[in-house]
Protein backbone atom coordinates (compact mmCIF):
# COMPACT_ATOMS: atom_id res chain seq x y z
CA MET A 1 -8.58 25.74 23.65
CA LYS A 2 -5.23 24.25 24.58
CA LEU A 3 -3.75 22.26 21.70
CA ASN A 4 -2.00 19.01 22.60
CA PHE A 5 0.81 17.69 20.41
CA CYS A 6 3.13 14.71 20.59
CA THR A 7 6.26 13.80 18.66
CA LEU A 8 9.18 11.39 18.86
CA PHE A 9 12.87 11.75 18.06
CA ASN A 10 16.35 10.82 19.22
CA THR A 11 19.54 12.85 19.63
CA ASN A 12 20.14 13.00 15.86
CA TYR A 13 16.89 14.95 15.46
CA LEU A 14 17.30 17.04 18.62
CA SER A 15 17.84 20.36 16.81
CA ARG A 16 14.82 19.69 14.59
CA GLY A 17 12.61 18.81 17.55
CA ILE A 18 13.62 21.93 19.46
CA ALA A 19 13.10 24.08 16.35
CA MET A 20 9.61 22.66 15.95
CA TYR A 21 8.86 23.30 19.65
CA GLU A 22 10.14 26.89 19.43
CA SER A 23 7.99 27.54 16.34
CA LEU A 24 4.94 26.34 18.29
CA GLN A 25 5.97 28.57 21.15
CA GLN A 26 6.12 31.53 18.75
CA HIS A 27 2.83 30.94 16.93
CA CYS A 28 0.54 28.88 19.18
CA PRO A 29 -0.75 30.82 22.23
CA ASP A 30 -1.85 27.77 24.25
CA PHE A 31 -0.26 24.35 23.64
CA HIS A 32 1.52 21.44 25.25
CA LEU A 33 4.03 19.19 23.52
CA TYR A 34 4.71 15.63 24.67
CA VAL A 35 8.11 14.41 23.44
CA TYR A 36 9.03 10.74 23.38
CA ALA A 37 12.80 10.71 23.72
CA PHE A 38 14.15 7.74 21.77
CA ASP A 39 17.55 7.66 23.43
CA GLN A 40 18.92 8.55 26.85
CA ASN A 41 21.01 11.56 25.76
CA CYS A 42 17.96 13.13 24.16
CA TYR A 43 15.91 12.54 27.31
CA ASN A 44 18.61 13.89 29.62
CA TYR A 45 19.12 17.05 27.58
CA LEU A 46 15.42 17.89 27.36
CA LYS A 47 15.00 17.27 31.09
CA GLU A 48 17.89 19.66 31.78
CA LEU A 49 16.24 22.36 29.66
CA ASP A 50 12.99 22.03 31.60
CA LEU A 51 11.09 23.75 28.80
CA LYS A 52 7.74 25.40 29.37
CA ASN A 53 4.76 23.55 27.88
CA LEU A 54 6.85 20.44 27.18
CA THR A 55 6.78 17.03 28.84
CA VAL A 56 9.57 14.61 27.95
CA ILE A 57 8.80 10.89 28.20
CA PRO A 58 11.54 8.22 28.32
CA LEU A 59 11.21 4.92 26.48
CA SER A 60 11.26 3.11 29.84
CA GLU A 61 7.85 4.63 30.63
CA PHE A 62 6.37 4.49 27.14
CA GLU A 63 7.30 1.05 25.79
CA ASP A 64 4.88 -1.72 26.66
CA PRO A 65 5.32 -5.52 26.26
CA GLN A 66 3.86 -5.56 22.72
CA LEU A 67 6.23 -2.86 21.48
CA LEU A 68 9.22 -4.42 23.19
CA GLU A 69 8.41 -7.80 21.66
CA ILE A 70 8.50 -6.56 18.05
CA LYS A 71 11.30 -3.98 18.54
CA PRO A 72 14.14 -6.39 17.56
CA THR A 73 12.35 -7.14 14.27
CA ARG A 74 12.36 -3.50 13.07
CA SER A 75 15.06 -1.07 12.01
CA ALA A 76 15.38 2.11 14.07
CA GLY A 77 13.30 4.03 11.53
CA GLU A 78 10.71 1.29 11.23
CA TYR A 79 10.36 1.13 15.00
CA CYS A 80 9.70 4.87 15.14
CA TRP A 81 6.94 4.43 12.56
CA THR A 82 5.57 1.47 14.51
CA CYS A 83 5.33 3.62 17.63
CA THR A 84 3.50 6.58 16.05
CA PRO A 85 -0.09 5.55 16.89
CA SER A 86 1.02 4.42 20.33
CA THR A 87 2.38 7.89 21.10
CA ILE A 88 -1.07 9.42 20.53
CA LEU A 89 -2.82 6.77 22.60
CA TYR A 90 -0.31 6.97 25.45
CA ALA A 91 -0.58 10.76 25.69
CA ILE A 92 -4.38 10.73 25.62
CA LYS A 93 -4.74 7.96 28.19
CA THR A 94 -1.85 8.86 30.52
CA TYR A 95 -2.52 12.59 30.73
CA GLY A 96 -6.30 12.53 30.27
CA LEU A 97 -6.22 14.69 27.14
CA ASP A 98 -9.37 15.46 25.18
CA HIS A 99 -7.34 15.27 21.95
CA CYS A 100 -3.77 14.89 20.73
CA THR A 101 -2.04 15.63 17.42
CA TYR A 102 1.02 13.67 16.35
CA VAL A 103 3.53 15.91 14.51
CA ASP A 104 6.76 14.93 12.80
CA ALA A 105 9.81 16.50 14.42
CA ASP A 106 11.00 18.00 11.12
CA LEU A 107 8.02 20.36 10.78
CA LEU A 108 8.28 24.09 11.33
CA PHE A 109 5.21 26.22 12.10
CA TYR A 110 4.71 29.68 10.59
CA SER A 111 1.17 30.40 11.87
CA ASP A 112 -1.13 29.16 14.61
CA PRO A 113 -2.13 25.53 13.86
CA ALA A 114 -5.41 26.03 15.76
CA VAL A 115 -7.04 26.81 12.41
CA LEU A 116 -6.27 23.24 11.31
CA ILE A 117 -7.77 21.65 14.43
CA ASP A 118 -10.82 23.92 14.18
CA GLU A 119 -11.47 22.61 10.68
CA MET A 120 -12.32 19.18 12.15
CA ARG A 121 -15.54 20.54 13.69
CA GLU A 122 -17.47 17.47 14.93
CA LYS A 123 -15.10 14.94 13.33
CA THR A 124 -12.97 12.76 15.57
CA VAL A 125 -9.80 12.07 13.52
CA MET A 126 -7.95 14.27 11.04
CA ILE A 127 -5.39 13.26 8.42
CA THR A 128 -3.41 15.28 5.85
CA GLU A 129 -2.89 14.50 2.19
CA HIS A 130 0.51 14.58 0.55
CA ARG A 131 -1.10 16.69 -2.20
CA TYR A 132 1.57 15.47 -4.59
CA THR A 133 2.52 17.56 -7.57
CA PRO A 134 1.48 15.18 -10.41
CA ALA A 135 5.06 14.60 -11.57
CA TYR A 136 5.93 13.28 -8.10
CA ASP A 137 2.79 11.29 -7.30
CA GLN A 138 3.80 8.34 -5.09
CA ALA A 139 0.33 7.60 -3.70
CA ALA A 140 0.32 4.06 -5.10
CA THR A 141 3.35 3.07 -3.03
CA SER A 142 3.69 5.62 -0.20
CA GLY A 143 0.02 6.45 0.30
CA LYS A 144 -2.38 9.29 -0.32
CA TYR A 145 -1.87 10.65 3.19
CA CYS A 146 1.24 11.69 5.07
CA VAL A 147 1.81 10.76 8.70
CA GLN A 148 3.02 14.24 9.59
CA PHE A 149 0.02 15.78 11.37
CA VAL A 150 -2.57 13.31 12.68
CA THR A 151 -5.20 14.40 15.22
CA ALA A 152 -7.40 12.10 17.31
CA ARG A 153 -10.00 13.02 19.88
CA ASN A 154 -10.42 11.12 23.14
CA ASP A 155 -13.80 9.65 22.25
CA PRO A 156 -14.91 6.14 21.21
CA ASP A 157 -14.47 6.76 17.48
CA GLY A 158 -11.05 8.39 17.86
CA ILE A 159 -9.74 5.68 20.17
CA LYS A 160 -11.10 2.98 17.85
CA VAL A 161 -9.13 4.32 14.89
CA MET A 162 -5.92 4.78 16.89
CA GLU A 163 -6.10 1.29 18.43
CA TRP A 164 -6.74 -0.25 15.01
CA TRP A 165 -3.73 1.63 13.63
CA ARG A 166 -1.54 0.63 16.57
CA ASN A 167 -2.41 -3.05 16.15
CA ALA A 168 -1.81 -2.87 12.40
CA CYS A 169 1.62 -1.26 12.88
CA ILE A 170 2.64 -3.81 15.51
CA ASP A 171 1.63 -6.57 13.10
CA TRP A 172 3.46 -5.05 10.08
CA CYS A 173 5.45 -1.82 9.71
CA TYR A 174 8.45 -1.92 7.41
CA ALA A 175 10.23 0.47 5.04
CA ARG A 176 8.98 -1.26 1.91
CA ALA A 177 5.85 -1.46 -0.19
CA GLU A 178 4.20 -4.83 0.25
CA ASP A 179 0.62 -6.06 -0.27
CA GLY A 180 -0.79 -2.53 -0.29
CA LYS A 181 1.15 -1.49 2.82
CA PHE A 182 4.05 0.88 3.39
CA GLY A 183 5.38 1.63 6.89
CA ASP A 184 2.77 3.22 9.14
CA GLN A 185 1.46 5.39 6.32
CA LYS A 186 -0.46 3.38 3.71
CA TYR A 187 -2.87 2.22 6.42
CA LEU A 188 -4.43 5.69 6.39
CA ASP A 189 -5.69 5.28 2.81
CA SER A 190 -8.74 3.31 3.92
CA TRP A 191 -9.76 5.35 6.96
CA THR A 192 -12.35 7.61 5.33
CA SER A 193 -14.33 4.57 4.17
CA GLN A 194 -13.41 2.20 7.02
CA PHE A 195 -14.25 4.47 9.96
CA SER A 196 -16.74 7.20 10.75
CA GLY A 197 -15.66 10.70 11.73
CA VAL A 198 -12.41 10.89 9.73
CA HIS A 199 -11.68 14.32 8.22
CA GLU A 200 -9.25 15.14 5.39
CA LEU A 201 -7.57 18.47 6.05
CA GLN A 202 -8.55 21.02 3.38
CA HIS A 203 -6.35 23.95 4.43
CA LEU A 204 -3.55 24.22 1.86
CA GLY A 205 -1.19 25.74 4.42
CA GLY A 206 -1.07 22.52 6.44
CA GLY A 207 1.40 20.17 4.81
CA LEU A 208 3.68 22.12 2.49
CA ALA A 209 6.54 19.82 1.53
CA PRO A 210 9.11 19.19 -1.22
CA TRP A 211 6.67 16.94 -3.10
CA ASN A 212 3.93 19.59 -3.46
CA VAL A 213 5.53 23.03 -3.11
CA GLN A 214 5.81 23.38 -6.92
CA GLN A 215 2.07 24.12 -6.99
CA TYR A 216 2.36 27.38 -5.05
CA THR A 217 4.00 30.79 -5.00
CA PHE A 218 4.58 32.72 -1.77
CA GLU A 219 4.45 36.22 -0.33
CA LYS A 220 6.01 37.14 2.99
CA ASN A 221 6.09 40.27 5.11
CA GLU A 222 6.55 40.94 8.82
CA LYS A 223 2.99 39.90 9.72
CA HIS A 224 1.90 37.35 7.14
CA PHE A 225 3.33 34.40 5.26
CA THR A 226 0.93 33.64 2.43
CA GLY A 227 0.80 30.97 -0.23
CA ILE A 228 -0.99 31.24 -3.56
CA GLU A 229 -2.16 28.14 -5.41
CA ILE A 230 -0.97 28.64 -8.99
CA SER A 231 -3.85 26.74 -10.64
CA SER A 232 -6.66 28.61 -8.86
CA GLY A 233 -5.12 31.80 -7.49
CA LYS A 234 -6.43 30.82 -4.05
CA LYS A 235 -4.56 32.46 -1.16
CA PHE A 236 -3.88 30.76 2.16
CA ASP A 237 -1.81 31.28 5.30
CA VAL A 238 1.30 29.12 5.53
CA ILE A 239 0.82 26.99 8.66
CA PHE A 240 3.66 24.47 8.50
CA PHE A 241 6.35 23.13 6.18
CA HIS A 242 7.61 19.55 6.32
CA PHE A 243 11.39 19.46 5.77
CA HIS A 244 11.44 15.79 4.83
CA GLY A 245 14.75 14.49 3.54
CA LEU A 246 16.98 17.29 4.82
CA LYS A 247 20.35 15.80 5.86
CA PHE A 248 23.58 17.02 7.38
CA TYR A 249 26.94 15.51 6.41
CA GLU A 250 30.56 15.83 7.41
CA ASP A 251 32.58 18.83 6.21
CA ASP A 252 29.66 21.17 6.93
CA ILE A 253 27.53 19.95 4.00
CA VAL A 254 23.73 20.03 4.11
CA SER A 255 21.43 18.43 1.55
CA LEU A 256 18.00 20.04 1.39
CA THR A 257 15.92 17.28 -0.17
CA ASP A 258 15.82 14.55 -2.80
CA ALA A 259 17.24 15.61 -6.18
CA GLY A 260 14.12 14.25 -7.86
CA TYR A 261 12.08 17.25 -6.69
CA GLU A 262 12.31 20.63 -8.37
CA ILE A 263 12.68 23.26 -5.67
CA ARG A 264 12.59 26.88 -6.85
CA LYS A 265 15.03 29.48 -5.53
CA GLU A 266 12.07 31.29 -3.94
CA VAL A 267 11.30 28.21 -1.82
CA ILE A 268 14.95 27.72 -0.90
CA ASP A 269 15.25 31.34 0.19
CA LEU A 270 11.95 31.54 2.10
CA PHE A 271 11.92 28.13 3.77
CA TYR A 272 15.19 26.22 3.58
CA ARG A 273 17.80 28.92 4.24
CA PRO A 274 16.13 30.17 7.45
CA TYR A 275 15.49 26.59 8.61
CA VAL A 276 19.10 25.47 8.17
CA ARG A 277 20.25 28.57 10.04
CA ILE A 278 17.83 27.82 12.88
CA LEU A 279 19.06 24.22 13.13
CA ASN A 280 22.71 25.29 13.11
CA SER A 281 22.02 27.89 15.79
CA ILE A 282 20.29 25.33 18.02
CA ALA A 283 23.02 22.74 17.43
CA GLY A 284 25.59 25.39 18.37
CA ARG A 285 23.76 26.10 21.62
CA ILE A 286 23.73 22.41 22.43
CA ARG A 287 27.44 21.94 21.66
CA LYS A 288 28.39 24.63 24.18
CA SER A 289 27.12 22.52 27.08
CA HIS A 290 27.35 19.06 25.46
CA PRO A 291 30.33 19.10 23.03
CA GLY A 292 29.90 15.51 21.85
CA MET A 293 26.21 15.65 21.08
CA ASN A 294 25.32 15.22 17.39
CA ALA A 295 22.14 17.35 17.48
CA ASN A 296 21.95 17.82 13.68
CA GLY A 297 22.45 14.12 12.97
CA VAL A 298 25.63 14.64 10.94
CA SER A 299 26.32 11.32 9.20
CA GLY A 300 29.16 10.35 6.87
CA LYS A 301 30.60 12.01 3.80
CA ALA A 302 28.23 13.74 1.42
CA PRO A 303 27.95 12.20 -2.06
CA TYR A 304 28.45 15.71 -3.47
CA GLY A 305 29.88 18.96 -2.21
CA ALA A 306 28.58 22.47 -2.69
CA MET A 307 28.33 23.47 -6.34
CA GLY A 308 31.75 24.15 -7.88
CA LEU A 309 34.14 22.82 -10.49
CA SER A 310 34.83 19.58 -8.62
CA THR A 311 31.10 18.88 -8.25
CA LEU A 312 30.49 19.63 -11.93
CA ALA A 313 33.32 17.26 -12.84
CA ASN A 314 31.81 14.58 -10.58
CA TYR A 315 28.41 14.90 -12.29
CA TYR A 316 30.10 14.77 -15.70
CA ARG A 317 32.08 11.62 -14.84
CA GLN A 318 28.94 9.93 -13.57
CA GLY A 319 27.15 10.82 -16.80
CA LEU A 320 29.94 9.24 -18.83
CA LYS A 321 29.78 6.08 -16.72
CA SER A 322 26.07 5.71 -17.44
CA SER A 323 26.39 6.35 -21.18
CA LYS A 324 29.04 7.57 -23.61
CA ARG A 325 26.26 9.69 -25.16
CA ASN A 326 26.69 12.00 -22.17
CA LEU A 327 30.06 13.12 -23.57
CA SER A 328 28.40 16.40 -24.59
CA GLY A 329 27.15 16.99 -21.05
CA LEU A 330 23.61 15.71 -21.61
CA HIS A 331 21.43 16.21 -18.49
CA LEU A 332 24.16 18.27 -16.82
CA LEU A 333 21.95 21.37 -16.67
CA LYS A 334 19.26 19.40 -14.86
CA LYS A 335 21.85 18.08 -12.41
CA ILE A 336 22.96 21.65 -11.70
CA LYS A 337 19.36 22.86 -11.31
CA HIS A 338 18.53 20.04 -8.88
CA HIS A 339 21.75 20.29 -6.89
CA TYR A 340 20.66 20.82 -3.28
CA PHE A 341 24.01 20.37 -1.49
CA PHE A 342 25.35 23.49 0.24
CA LYS A 343 27.90 24.58 2.81
CA ALA A 344 25.66 24.81 5.87
CA ALA A 345 27.63 27.60 7.59
CA LYS A 346 27.41 29.81 4.48
CA PHE A 347 23.84 28.91 3.56
């Protein structure tokens, strides 16, 4: 069965989007990806590439009067969230698809995602849990589920859920927690009780992310990338990792994720190092033909540099500013352990 995916991004996420597409190309035998290009440079570049199994859609074709009406009331990020359910509906209705899966552009696939779609069986919509490590549980504010991999079938139940979600996001979709809502995401919390045919993904390999990766160890060889759940010893194939929060800065600095998460060296070496290298390679390819294009989304000066004496001194000064009790270097070891800023070219 051909798997249909859709995603959205602008030029700042171009390297991520292409990396995600190329990982699908490597691991998914039969797929098509519909990309909603959220600026003209992104659209033009993808049209020039003329990639196999990829259709690029400009905003001029996608945006309808309802989206255009609320667009000025949302930030760029909030508008992307607002558009998520509409991307699924547009792809299904415009191209006559029997199903479509929305995927975030900052995912990378390591195995065929068909196993995730197959898990739905007769269900009509599939959603993925954050599966928070308890220390990082943000379900109360950010939601139980993550809008990273959402599948809907082109049937009455699937369309009903997607249209409800679209209308809800058009009505309210902001980057704040308010009245039990948060962006496009908290709406999903009620779906299993509100609608029929909604399936929660059970496969542990679908949805690895910085907020849950502490629960697993990993084994990798040429043929298999396997995760092991520490609490149960259960083994599973790694299907995709969500590189949420990864940022590029000036002076060749990359930040892997939020310092609040504990990311083991094993995870950095197996997931983050190869991913940063892939993004830098793609961005380099793009710069050769389009020198001014910011394909990695480099933005401003990094708050910290790569680990070194100057960074240690910066952490120490900040500790002193917060409390004179930090004169002895209290919490400095934790700062060092959770320091995720690196020189991208050397990473």
